[in-house]
Amino acid sequence: ANGEVTYFFHTSVDNSIKNQFRQAFTSWESVPGVSLDIQESGTFSGDPNSDDGLNAIVWVTTAWRELNFRPPSNALAVTLLSFNASDGTIYDADIFFNAETFSWGNAEISGQESSVDIQNIATHEIGHLLGLDHSSEEYFETDESLADATMYYASSAGETTRRDLKDDDRYGLRALYGSTT
């Protein structure tokens, strides 16, 4: 409600990839006209729970389909939100990355071009953590502003274009956290 967001890395997230998540958070926090204060709050080793008040990033390497929310096997990542139904305030958001099915990396580094780009998908999932839905779920979306948005529903291996927010993403964030009219 006040634009203050804290997040935790689960111990399943390797230190070597945390900066890609941090850069994704920075993309959202740096939108002009938005009042957001995003802070990393360390790591935890417990089971992520949608009612624990901890916004967690979790790296799932085994038993993806056995998670308690039964994610689709073809999902790159899933964000679970818990919120107050009367005013929409988010009180918990957990992001789960499917590292059992998909090969992840930094698609801008030589030798990793065909991997699913962590920062690309993290930027999208953080949009959900902040309360945004998909810009479109139409496979053949004709409106480029929706199809090119970070919050478009699909992505592919090697893609990095959704690391950078588009107008539709920024407008949505301003509608939720705008500090000016």
Protein backbone atom coordinates (compact mmCIF):
# COMPACT_ATOMS: atom_id res chain seq x y z
CA ALA A 1 0.00 0.00 0.00
CA ASN A 2 2.84 2.41 0.77
CA GLY A 3 5.17 1.32 -2.05
CA GLU A 4 7.64 -0.33 0.32
CA VAL A 5 8.63 -3.77 -0.95
CA THR A 6 11.07 -6.15 0.67
CA TYR A 7 12.14 -9.46 -0.80
CA PHE A 8 14.19 -12.45 0.27
CA PHE A 9 16.23 -14.97 -1.66
CA HIS A 10 15.54 -18.55 -0.73
CA THR A 11 18.76 -20.50 -0.11
CA SER A 12 17.97 -22.39 -3.33
CA VAL A 13 19.03 -19.29 -5.33
CA ASP A 14 22.73 -19.45 -6.15
CA ASN A 15 24.77 -16.33 -5.35
CA SER A 16 26.07 -16.26 -8.93
CA ILE A 17 22.63 -15.33 -10.31
CA LYS A 18 21.31 -12.95 -7.66
CA ASN A 19 22.52 -9.84 -9.51
CA GLN A 20 20.21 -10.65 -12.41
CA PHE A 21 17.27 -10.49 -10.01
CA ARG A 22 18.56 -7.27 -8.46
CA GLN A 23 18.81 -5.67 -11.91
CA ALA A 24 15.23 -6.75 -12.62
CA PHE A 25 14.00 -5.07 -9.42
CA THR A 26 15.92 -1.92 -10.38
CA SER A 27 14.05 -1.77 -13.71
CA TRP A 28 10.77 -1.38 -11.84
CA GLU A 29 12.05 0.87 -9.06
CA SER A 30 13.55 3.36 -11.52
CA VAL A 31 10.31 4.13 -13.39
CA PRO A 32 9.82 7.94 -13.30
CA GLY A 33 6.77 9.14 -11.41
CA VAL A 34 6.61 6.05 -9.21
CA SER A 35 6.99 5.90 -5.46
CA LEU A 36 8.59 2.53 -4.78
CA ASP A 37 11.20 1.56 -2.22
CA ILE A 38 12.45 -1.97 -2.95
CA GLN A 39 14.85 -3.55 -0.46
CA GLU A 40 16.59 -6.91 -0.44
CA SER A 41 16.28 -8.44 3.03
CA GLY A 42 18.66 -11.38 2.88
CA THR A 43 18.04 -15.10 2.59
CA PHE A 44 15.90 -17.70 4.29
CA SER A 45 15.83 -21.48 4.22
CA GLY A 46 12.28 -22.34 5.22
CA ASP A 47 9.40 -23.42 3.03
CA PRO A 48 7.91 -20.44 1.20
CA ASN A 49 4.39 -19.90 2.43
CA SER A 50 1.93 -17.49 0.86
CA ASP A 51 0.85 -16.32 4.31
CA ASP A 52 4.26 -15.74 5.91
CA GLY A 53 4.58 -12.12 4.75
CA LEU A 54 7.94 -12.80 3.08
CA ASN A 55 8.25 -12.00 -0.60
CA ALA A 56 10.47 -14.87 -1.67
CA ILE A 57 12.40 -15.80 -4.80
CA VAL A 58 12.73 -19.58 -5.05
CA TRP A 59 14.80 -21.67 -7.49
CA VAL A 60 13.15 -25.07 -7.99
CA THR A 61 15.48 -27.76 -9.38
CA THR A 62 13.43 -30.87 -8.59
CA ALA A 63 9.78 -31.81 -8.09
CA TRP A 64 8.38 -28.72 -9.87
CA ARG A 65 5.00 -30.39 -10.44
CA GLU A 66 4.86 -31.56 -6.81
CA LEU A 67 4.83 -28.04 -5.38
CA ASN A 68 1.69 -27.50 -3.31
CA PHE A 69 0.12 -25.20 -5.93
CA ARG A 70 0.69 -27.69 -8.80
CA PRO A 71 2.27 -25.38 -11.42
CA PRO A 72 2.02 -26.28 -15.10
CA SER A 73 5.06 -28.27 -16.26
CA ASN A 74 5.64 -25.80 -19.13
CA ALA A 75 5.67 -22.68 -16.91
CA LEU A 76 9.02 -20.90 -16.83
CA ALA A 77 8.13 -19.30 -13.51
CA VAL A 78 5.08 -18.64 -11.36
CA THR A 79 4.30 -15.82 -8.95
CA LEU A 80 1.83 -16.50 -6.15
CA LEU A 81 0.15 -13.47 -4.59
CA SER A 82 -1.73 -13.16 -1.32
CA PHE A 83 -3.71 -9.98 -0.95
CA ASN A 84 -6.48 -8.27 0.98
CA ALA A 85 -9.60 -8.75 -1.15
CA SER A 86 -11.27 -5.59 0.16
CA ASP A 87 -8.55 -3.12 -0.86
CA GLY A 88 -6.18 -5.11 -3.09
CA THR A 89 -3.14 -4.64 -0.87
CA ILE A 90 -0.58 -7.37 -1.53
CA TYR A 91 0.84 -8.82 1.67
CA ASP A 92 2.85 -11.72 0.24
CA ALA A 93 4.27 -12.62 -3.17
CA ASP A 94 6.49 -15.60 -3.87
CA ILE A 95 8.23 -16.17 -7.20
CA PHE A 96 9.13 -19.73 -8.19
CA PHE A 97 11.52 -20.42 -11.10
CA ASN A 98 11.29 -23.76 -12.89
CA ALA A 99 14.93 -24.86 -13.05
CA GLU A 100 13.93 -28.51 -13.31
CA THR A 101 12.56 -28.23 -16.85
CA PHE A 102 14.41 -25.22 -18.27
CA SER A 103 18.03 -24.25 -18.82
CA TRP A 104 18.64 -20.76 -17.37
CA GLY A 105 21.41 -18.24 -17.83
CA ASN A 106 22.31 -14.81 -19.11
CA ALA A 107 21.41 -14.88 -22.81
CA GLU A 108 23.74 -11.93 -23.49
CA ILE A 109 26.83 -13.97 -22.53
CA SER A 110 28.61 -16.03 -25.14
CA GLY A 111 27.70 -19.69 -24.77
CA GLN A 112 24.41 -18.93 -22.98
CA GLU A 113 22.49 -17.42 -25.90
CA SER A 114 20.05 -20.34 -26.09
CA SER A 115 19.23 -20.38 -22.37
CA VAL A 116 16.16 -18.79 -20.84
CA ASP A 117 17.35 -15.38 -19.65
CA ILE A 118 16.97 -15.03 -15.88
CA GLN A 119 16.73 -11.24 -15.85
CA ASN A 120 14.19 -11.25 -18.68
CA ILE A 121 11.82 -13.57 -16.81
CA ALA A 122 12.58 -12.05 -13.39
CA THR A 123 11.54 -8.62 -14.65
CA HIS A 124 8.22 -10.08 -15.79
CA GLU A 125 7.60 -12.01 -12.56
CA ILE A 126 8.47 -8.97 -10.42
CA GLY A 127 5.76 -7.12 -12.34
CA HIS A 128 3.33 -9.71 -10.94
CA LEU A 129 4.84 -9.31 -7.45
CA LEU A 130 4.04 -5.60 -7.74
CA GLY A 131 0.44 -6.32 -8.74
CA LEU A 132 0.44 -6.24 -12.55
CA ASP A 133 -1.28 -8.83 -14.71
CA HIS A 134 -0.37 -9.78 -18.27
CA SER A 135 -0.60 -7.06 -20.89
CA SER A 136 -2.16 -9.65 -23.20
CA GLU A 137 -2.62 -13.40 -23.42
CA GLU A 138 -3.35 -13.41 -27.15
CA TYR A 139 -0.86 -15.59 -29.01
CA PHE A 140 -1.22 -13.46 -32.16
CA GLU A 141 -1.50 -10.09 -30.37
CA THR A 142 -1.74 -7.38 -33.04
CA ASP A 143 -1.23 -4.43 -30.70
CA GLU A 144 2.56 -4.07 -30.57
CA SER A 145 2.42 -2.05 -27.35
CA LEU A 146 0.91 -5.11 -25.62
CA ALA A 147 2.86 -7.83 -27.45
CA ASP A 148 6.22 -6.15 -26.78
CA ALA A 149 5.52 -5.32 -23.14
CA THR A 150 7.47 -6.98 -20.35
CA MET A 151 4.16 -8.18 -18.97
CA TYR A 152 3.15 -10.05 -22.17
CA TYR A 153 2.29 -13.61 -21.18
CA ALA A 154 4.98 -15.47 -23.15
CA SER A 155 8.71 -15.48 -23.67
CA SER A 156 11.26 -17.72 -25.32
CA ALA A 157 14.81 -18.93 -24.82
CA GLY A 158 17.43 -16.36 -25.74
CA GLU A 159 15.03 -13.43 -25.44
CA THR A 160 16.21 -10.37 -23.50
CA THR A 161 13.85 -7.66 -24.79
CA ARG A 162 11.55 -7.91 -21.77
CA ARG A 163 14.35 -6.87 -19.44
CA ASP A 164 13.50 -3.31 -20.47
CA LEU A 165 10.08 -1.99 -19.49
CA LYS A 166 7.83 -0.66 -22.22
CA ASP A 167 5.21 2.10 -22.02
CA ASP A 168 2.41 -0.34 -21.14
CA ASP A 169 4.45 -1.65 -18.18
CA ARG A 170 5.33 1.84 -16.96
CA TYR A 171 1.71 3.05 -17.28
CA GLY A 172 0.49 0.07 -15.26
CA LEU A 173 3.06 0.65 -12.54
CA ARG A 174 2.22 4.36 -12.37
CA ALA A 175 -1.47 3.50 -12.01
CA LEU A 176 -0.60 1.43 -8.93
CA TYR A 177 2.28 3.41 -7.38
CA GLY A 178 2.25 6.81 -9.04
CA SER A 179 3.66 9.62 -6.94
CA THR A 180 2.32 12.29 -9.31
CA THR A 181 -0.84 12.63 -11.36
